[in-house]
Amino acid sequence: GLESWLRVEFPNPAPHPRPYALGPVVYV
């Protein structure tokens, strides 16, 4: 097969600027 997944986080309180660690990241 072929599989893809995305992960993105929305913390509260939100940091500024938004770091890489919060995504979105996509893997295939």
PDB file of all heavy atoms in Angstrom:
ATOM      1  N   GLY A   1       0.792  -1.208   0.000  1.00  0.00           N
ATOM      2  CA  GLY A   1       0.000   0.000   0.000  1.00  0.00           C
ATOM      3  C   GLY A   1       0.829   1.264   0.000  1.00  0.00           C
ATOM      4  O   GLY A   1       2.066   1.238  -0.005  1.00  0.00           O
ATOM      5  N   LEU A   2       0.117   2.383   0.008  1.00  0.00           N
ATOM      6  CA  LEU A   2       0.707   3.711   0.115  1.00  0.00           C
ATOM      7  C   LEU A   2      -0.120   4.482   1.129  1.00  0.00           C
ATOM      8  O   LEU A   2      -1.355   4.545   1.009  1.00  0.00           O
ATOM      9  CB  LEU A   2       0.693   4.424  -1.236  1.00  0.00           C
ATOM     10  CG  LEU A   2       1.399   5.785  -1.284  1.00  0.00           C
ATOM     11  CD1 LEU A   2       2.909   5.608  -1.106  1.00  0.00           C
ATOM     12  CD2 LEU A   2       1.095   6.498  -2.601  1.00  0.00           C
ATOM     13  N   GLU A   3       0.544   5.060   2.128  1.00  0.00           N
ATOM     14  CA  GLU A   3      -0.157   5.713   3.237  1.00  0.00           C
ATOM     15  C   GLU A   3       0.412   7.101   3.472  1.00  0.00           C
ATOM     16  O   GLU A   3       1.621   7.322   3.355  1.00  0.00           O
ATOM     17  CB  GLU A   3      -0.018   4.870   4.505  1.00  0.00           C
ATOM     18  CG  GLU A   3      -0.798   5.403   5.700  1.00  0.00           C
ATOM     19  CD  GLU A   3      -0.733   4.478   6.889  1.00  0.00           C
ATOM     20  OE1 GLU A   3       0.293   3.753   7.029  1.00  0.00           O
ATOM     21  OE2 GLU A   3      -1.674   4.468   7.694  1.00  0.00           O
ATOM     22  N   SER A   4      -0.474   8.025   3.812  1.00  0.00           N
ATOM     23  CA  SER A   4      -0.053   9.388   4.163  1.00  0.00           C
ATOM     24  C   SER A   4      -0.721   9.792   5.465  1.00  0.00           C
ATOM     25  O   SER A   4      -1.835   9.364   5.765  1.00  0.00           O
ATOM     26  CB  SER A   4      -0.430  10.373   3.049  1.00  0.00           C
ATOM     27  OG  SER A   4      -1.837  10.430   2.879  1.00  0.00           O
ATOM     28  N   TRP A   5      -0.011  10.622   6.232  1.00  0.00           N
ATOM     29  CA  TRP A   5      -0.599  11.157   7.466  1.00  0.00           C
ATOM     30  C   TRP A   5      -0.064  12.553   7.739  1.00  0.00           C
ATOM     31  O   TRP A   5       1.049  12.899   7.357  1.00  0.00           O
ATOM     32  CB  TRP A   5      -0.379  10.244   8.661  1.00  0.00           C
ATOM     33  CG  TRP A   5       1.019   9.781   8.919  1.00  0.00           C
ATOM     34  CD1 TRP A   5       1.685   8.764   8.304  1.00  0.00           C
ATOM     35  CD2 TRP A   5       1.935  10.299   9.903  1.00  0.00           C
ATOM     36  NE1 TRP A   5       2.949   8.610   8.834  1.00  0.00           N
ATOM     37  CE2 TRP A   5       3.128   9.534   9.807  1.00  0.00           C
ATOM     38  CE3 TRP A   5       1.856  11.316  10.851  1.00  0.00           C
ATOM     39  CZ2 TRP A   5       4.236   9.771  10.622  1.00  0.00           C
ATOM     40  CZ3 TRP A   5       2.958  11.552  11.668  1.00  0.00           C
ATOM     41  CH2 TRP A   5       4.125  10.784  11.552  1.00  0.00           C
ATOM     42  N   LEU A   6      -0.912  13.355   8.343  1.00  0.00           N
ATOM     43  CA  LEU A   6      -0.610  14.753   8.669  1.00  0.00           C
ATOM     44  C   LEU A   6      -0.768  14.943  10.164  1.00  0.00           C
ATOM     45  O   LEU A   6      -1.646  14.338  10.784  1.00  0.00           O
ATOM     46  CB  LEU A   6      -1.552  15.684   7.903  1.00  0.00           C
ATOM     47  CG  LEU A   6      -1.459  17.192   8.171  1.00  0.00           C
ATOM     48  CD1 LEU A   6      -1.844  17.962   6.909  1.00  0.00           C
ATOM     49  CD2 LEU A   6      -2.381  17.638   9.331  1.00  0.00           C
ATOM     50  N   ARG A   7       0.081  15.792  10.728  1.00  0.00           N
ATOM     51  CA  ARG A   7      -0.058  16.122  12.153  1.00  0.00           C
ATOM     52  C   ARG A   7       0.185  17.616  12.342  1.00  0.00           C
ATOM     53  O   ARG A   7       1.187  18.160  11.865  1.00  0.00           O
ATOM     54  CB  ARG A   7       0.909  15.315  13.022  1.00  0.00           C
ATOM     55  CG  ARG A   7       0.646  15.471  14.516  1.00  0.00           C
ATOM     56  CD  ARG A   7       1.506  14.525  15.340  1.00  0.00           C
ATOM     57  NE  ARG A   7       1.346  14.741  16.754  1.00  0.00           N
ATOM     58  CZ  ARG A   7       0.457  14.125  17.531  1.00  0.00           C
ATOM     59  NH1 ARG A   7      -0.351  13.228  17.000  1.00  0.00           N
ATOM     60  NH2 ARG A   7       0.391  14.366  18.827  1.00  0.00           N
ATOM     61  N   VAL A   8      -0.757  18.272  13.027  1.00  0.00           N
ATOM     62  CA  VAL A   8      -0.638  19.699  13.318  1.00  0.00           C
ATOM     63  C   VAL A   8      -1.256  19.960  14.689  1.00  0.00           C
ATOM     64  O   VAL A   8      -2.286  19.386  15.048  1.00  0.00           O
ATOM     65  CB  VAL A   8      -1.334  20.546  12.217  1.00  0.00           C
ATOM     66  CG1 VAL A   8      -2.808  20.184  12.074  1.00  0.00           C
ATOM     67  CG2 VAL A   8      -1.161  22.033  12.485  1.00  0.00           C
ATOM     68  N   GLU A   9      -0.601  20.805  15.490  1.00  0.00           N
ATOM     69  CA  GLU A   9      -1.039  21.102  16.851  1.00  0.00           C
ATOM     70  C   GLU A   9      -1.427  22.572  16.975  1.00  0.00           C
ATOM     71  O   GLU A   9      -0.776  23.453  16.405  1.00  0.00           O
ATOM     72  CB  GLU A   9       0.071  20.785  17.852  1.00  0.00           C
ATOM     73  CG  GLU A   9       0.488  19.319  17.855  1.00  0.00           C
ATOM     74  CD  GLU A   9       1.493  19.002  18.950  1.00  0.00           C
ATOM     75  OE1 GLU A   9       1.374  19.622  20.041  1.00  0.00           O
ATOM     76  OE2 GLU A   9       2.371  18.160  18.728  1.00  0.00           O
ATOM     77  N   PHE A  10      -2.474  22.821  17.777  1.00  0.00           N
ATOM     78  CA  PHE A  10      -2.947  24.170  18.057  1.00  0.00           C
ATOM     79  C   PHE A  10      -2.998  24.338  19.574  1.00  0.00           C
ATOM     80  O   PHE A  10      -4.026  24.065  20.213  1.00  0.00           O
ATOM     81  CB  PHE A  10      -4.323  24.401  17.438  1.00  0.00           C
ATOM     82  CG  PHE A  10      -4.356  24.228  15.946  1.00  0.00           C
ATOM     83  CD1 PHE A  10      -4.762  23.012  15.394  1.00  0.00           C
ATOM     84  CD2 PHE A  10      -3.964  25.254  15.101  1.00  0.00           C
ATOM     85  CE1 PHE A  10      -4.790  22.834  14.024  1.00  0.00           C
ATOM     86  CE2 PHE A  10      -3.993  25.088  13.718  1.00  0.00           C
ATOM     87  CZ  PHE A  10      -4.395  23.876  13.181  1.00  0.00           C
ATOM     88  N   PRO A  11      -1.886  24.765  20.183  1.00  0.00           N
ATOM     89  CA  PRO A  11      -1.864  24.888  21.646  1.00  0.00           C
ATOM     90  C   PRO A  11      -2.583  26.141  22.131  1.00  0.00           C
ATOM     91  O   PRO A  11      -2.735  27.129  21.399  1.00  0.00           O
ATOM     92  CB  PRO A  11      -0.367  24.967  21.951  1.00  0.00           C
ATOM     93  CG  PRO A  11       0.245  25.540  20.720  1.00  0.00           C
ATOM     94  CD  PRO A  11      -0.587  25.059  19.572  1.00  0.00           C
ATOM     95  N   ASN A  12      -3.019  26.073  23.373  1.00  0.00           N
ATOM     96  CA  ASN A  12      -3.627  27.215  24.050  1.00  0.00           C
ATOM     97  C   ASN A  12      -2.981  27.340  25.435  1.00  0.00           C
ATOM     98  O   ASN A  12      -3.160  26.456  26.265  1.00  0.00           O
ATOM     99  CB  ASN A  12      -5.136  27.019  24.188  1.00  0.00           C
ATOM    100  CG  ASN A  12      -5.815  28.207  24.838  1.00  0.00           C
ATOM    101  OD1 ASN A  12      -5.263  29.299  24.898  1.00  0.00           O
ATOM    102  ND2 ASN A  12      -7.012  27.974  25.366  1.00  0.00           N
ATOM    103  N   PRO A  13      -2.181  28.381  25.665  1.00  0.00           N
ATOM    104  CA  PRO A  13      -1.949  29.551  24.809  1.00  0.00           C
ATOM    105  C   PRO A  13      -1.042  29.239  23.628  1.00  0.00           C
ATOM    106  O   PRO A  13      -0.217  28.326  23.691  1.00  0.00           O
ATOM    107  CB  PRO A  13      -1.282  30.537  25.778  1.00  0.00           C
ATOM    108  CG  PRO A  13      -0.618  29.677  26.799  1.00  0.00           C
ATOM    109  CD  PRO A  13      -1.509  28.489  26.977  1.00  0.00           C
ATOM    110  N   ALA A  14      -1.207  29.998  22.535  1.00  0.00           N
ATOM    111  CA  ALA A  14      -0.452  29.766  21.309  1.00  0.00           C
ATOM    112  C   ALA A  14       0.834  30.585  21.312  1.00  0.00           C
ATOM    113  O   ALA A  14       0.814  31.775  21.640  1.00  0.00           O
ATOM    114  CB  ALA A  14      -1.298  30.143  20.102  1.00  0.00           C
ATOM    115  N   PRO A  15       1.963  29.980  20.977  1.00  0.00           N
ATOM    116  CA  PRO A  15       3.224  30.723  20.922  1.00  0.00           C
ATOM    117  C   PRO A  15       3.332  31.565  19.648  1.00  0.00           C
ATOM    118  O   PRO A  15       2.727  31.241  18.627  1.00  0.00           O
ATOM    119  CB  PRO A  15       4.279  29.610  20.935  1.00  0.00           C
ATOM    120  CG  PRO A  15       3.598  28.461  20.279  1.00  0.00           C
ATOM    121  CD  PRO A  15       2.148  28.550  20.670  1.00  0.00           C
ATOM    122  N   HIS A  16       4.098  32.627  19.744  1.00  0.00           N
ATOM    123  CA  HIS A  16       4.372  33.482  18.574  1.00  0.00           C
ATOM    124  C   HIS A  16       5.876  33.754  18.523  1.00  0.00           C
ATOM    125  O   HIS A  16       6.448  34.187  19.512  1.00  0.00           O
ATOM    126  CB  HIS A  16       3.598  34.801  18.678  1.00  0.00           C
ATOM    127  CG  HIS A  16       2.106  34.637  18.698  1.00  0.00           C
ATOM    128  ND1 HIS A  16       1.361  34.377  17.568  1.00  0.00           N
ATOM    129  CD2 HIS A  16       1.228  34.685  19.733  1.00  0.00           C
ATOM    130  CE1 HIS A  16       0.081  34.278  17.904  1.00  0.00           C
ATOM    131  NE2 HIS A  16      -0.028  34.466  19.214  1.00  0.00           N
ATOM    132  N   PRO A  17       6.519  33.507  17.394  1.00  0.00           N
ATOM    133  CA  PRO A  17       5.962  32.905  16.177  1.00  0.00           C
ATOM    134  C   PRO A  17       5.733  31.416  16.359  1.00  0.00           C
ATOM    135  O   PRO A  17       6.221  30.807  17.307  1.00  0.00           O
ATOM    136  CB  PRO A  17       7.056  33.172  15.144  1.00  0.00           C
ATOM    137  CG  PRO A  17       8.318  33.178  15.951  1.00  0.00           C
ATOM    138  CD  PRO A  17       7.960  33.826  17.260  1.00  0.00           C
ATOM    139  N   ARG A  18       5.034  30.829  15.405  1.00  0.00           N
ATOM    140  CA  ARG A  18       4.700  29.411  15.473  1.00  0.00           C
ATOM    141  C   ARG A  18       5.922  28.565  15.126  1.00  0.00           C
ATOM    142  O   ARG A  18       6.490  28.699  14.037  1.00  0.00           O
ATOM    143  CB  ARG A  18       3.554  29.115  14.511  1.00  0.00           C
ATOM    144  CG  ARG A  18       3.046  27.694  14.567  1.00  0.00           C
ATOM    145  CD  ARG A  18       1.898  27.493  13.587  1.00  0.00           C
ATOM    146  NE  ARG A  18       1.501  26.096  13.555  1.00  0.00           N
ATOM    147  CZ  ARG A  18       0.638  25.546  14.389  1.00  0.00           C
ATOM    148  NH1 ARG A  18       0.080  26.283  15.338  1.00  0.00           N
ATOM    149  NH2 ARG A  18       0.331  24.272  14.301  1.00  0.00           N
ATOM    150  N   PRO A  19       6.375  27.653  16.013  1.00  0.00           N
ATOM    151  CA  PRO A  19       7.579  26.867  15.740  1.00  0.00           C
ATOM    152  C   PRO A  19       7.303  25.665  14.832  1.00  0.00           C
ATOM    153  O   PRO A  19       6.159  25.221  14.681  1.00  0.00           O
ATOM    154  CB  PRO A  19       8.017  26.405  17.130  1.00  0.00           C
ATOM    155  CG  PRO A  19       6.732  26.304  17.896  1.00  0.00           C
ATOM    156  CD  PRO A  19       5.865  27.421  17.380  1.00  0.00           C
ATOM    157  N   TYR A  20       8.367  25.128  14.271  1.00  0.00           N
ATOM    158  CA  TYR A  20       8.283  23.944  13.417  1.00  0.00           C
ATOM    159  C   TYR A  20       7.634  22.771  14.153  1.00  0.00           C
ATOM    160  O   TYR A  20       6.891  21.987  13.549  1.00  0.00           O
ATOM    161  CB  TYR A  20       9.693  23.559  12.958  1.00  0.00           C
ATOM    162  CG  TYR A  20       9.818  22.144  12.439  1.00  0.00           C
ATOM    163  CD1 TYR A  20       9.470  21.838  11.127  1.00  0.00           C
ATOM    164  CD2 TYR A  20      10.271  21.110  13.268  1.00  0.00           C
ATOM    165  CE1 TYR A  20       9.578  20.533  10.654  1.00  0.00           C
ATOM    166  CE2 TYR A  20      10.377  19.802  12.795  1.00  0.00           C
ATOM    167  CZ  TYR A  20      10.025  19.517  11.494  1.00  0.00           C
ATOM    168  OH  TYR A  20      10.127  18.232  11.031  1.00  0.00           O
ATOM    169  N   ALA A  21       7.896  22.641  15.446  1.00  0.00           N
ATOM    170  CA  ALA A  21       7.433  21.487  16.224  1.00  0.00           C
ATOM    171  C   ALA A  21       5.917  21.349  16.246  1.00  0.00           C
ATOM    172  O   ALA A  21       5.395  20.260  16.518  1.00  0.00           O
ATOM    173  CB  ALA A  21       7.956  21.572  17.645  1.00  0.00           C
ATOM    174  N   LEU A  22       5.183  22.421  15.951  1.00  0.00           N
ATOM    175  CA  LEU A  22       3.729  22.362  15.988  1.00  0.00           C
ATOM    176  C   LEU A  22       3.127  21.932  14.653  1.00  0.00           C
ATOM    177  O   LEU A  22       1.922  21.727  14.547  1.00  0.00           O
ATOM    178  CB  LEU A  22       3.146  23.718  16.397  1.00  0.00           C
ATOM    179  CG  LEU A  22       3.494  24.191  17.812  1.00  0.00           C
ATOM    180  CD1 LEU A  22       2.865  25.551  18.090  1.00  0.00           C
ATOM    181  CD2 LEU A  22       3.037  23.172  18.851  1.00  0.00           C
ATOM    182  N   GLY A  23       3.950  21.813  13.608  1.00  0.00           N
ATOM    183  CA  GLY A  23       3.464  21.407  12.302  1.00  0.00           C
ATOM    184  C   GLY A  23       2.782  22.555  11.567  1.00  0.00           C
ATOM    185  O   GLY A  23       2.883  23.715  11.974  1.00  0.00           O
ATOM    186  N   PRO A  24       2.098  22.237  10.461  1.00  0.00           N
ATOM    187  CA  PRO A  24       1.769  20.878  10.014  1.00  0.00           C
ATOM    188  C   PRO A  24       2.959  20.159   9.376  1.00  0.00           C
ATOM    189  O   PRO A  24       3.763  20.768   8.680  1.00  0.00           O
ATOM    190  CB  PRO A  24       0.660  21.109   8.988  1.00  0.00           C
ATOM    191  CG  PRO A  24       0.934  22.475   8.454  1.00  0.00           C
ATOM    192  CD  PRO A  24       1.496  23.262   9.604  1.00  0.00           C
ATOM    193  N   VAL A  25       3.028  18.860   9.644  1.00  0.00           N
ATOM    194  CA  VAL A  25       3.991  17.997   8.962  1.00  0.00           C
ATOM    195  C   VAL A  25       3.205  16.903   8.244  1.00  0.00           C
ATOM    196  O   VAL A  25       2.169  16.444   8.741  1.00  0.00           O
ATOM    197  CB  VAL A  25       5.003  17.368   9.936  1.00  0.00           C
ATOM    198  CG1 VAL A  25       5.929  18.439  10.500  1.00  0.00           C
ATOM    199  CG2 VAL A  25       4.312  16.620  11.058  1.00  0.00           C
ATOM    200  N   VAL A  26       3.704  16.507   7.082  1.00  0.00           N
ATOM    201  CA  VAL A  26       3.034  15.496   6.269  1.00  0.00           C
ATOM    202  C   VAL A  26       4.053  14.425   5.907  1.00  0.00           C
ATOM    203  O   VAL A  26       5.159  14.727   5.447  1.00  0.00           O
ATOM    204  CB  VAL A  26       2.439  16.107   4.983  1.00  0.00           C
ATOM    205  CG1 VAL A  26       1.747  15.020   4.155  1.00  0.00           C
ATOM    206  CG2 VAL A  26       1.466  17.224   5.311  1.00  0.00           C
ATOM    207  N   TYR A  27       3.667  13.162   6.107  1.00  0.00           N
ATOM    208  CA  TYR A  27       4.506  12.020   5.768  1.00  0.00           C
ATOM    209  C   TYR A  27       3.772  11.140   4.760  1.00  0.00           C
ATOM    210  O   TYR A  27       2.549  10.957   4.847  1.00  0.00           O
ATOM    211  CB  TYR A  27       4.807  11.174   7.004  1.00  0.00           C
ATOM    212  CG  TYR A  27       5.806  11.785   7.966  1.00  0.00           C
ATOM    213  CD1 TYR A  27       5.399  12.661   8.953  1.00  0.00           C
ATOM    214  CD2 TYR A  27       7.154  11.459   7.886  1.00  0.00           C
ATOM    215  CE1 TYR A  27       6.310  13.214   9.850  1.00  0.00           C
ATOM    216  CE2 TYR A  27       8.076  11.991   8.772  1.00  0.00           C
ATOM    217  CZ  TYR A  27       7.643  12.871   9.747  1.00  0.00           C
ATOM    218  OH  TYR A  27       8.559  13.409  10.627  1.00  0.00           O
ATOM    219  N   VAL A  28       4.531  10.575   3.814  1.00  0.00           N
ATOM    220  CA  VAL A  28       3.987   9.660   2.809  1.00  0.00           C
ATOM    221  C   VAL A  28       4.983   8.525   2.615  1.00  0.00           C
ATOM    222  O   VAL A  28       6.197   8.756   2.567  1.00  0.00           O
ATOM    223  CB  VAL A  28       3.737  10.364   1.461  1.00  0.00           C
ATOM    224  CG1 VAL A  28       3.184   9.371   0.430  1.00  0.00           C
ATOM    225  CG2 VAL A  28       2.792  11.538   1.622  1.00  0.00           C
TER     226      VAL A  28
END
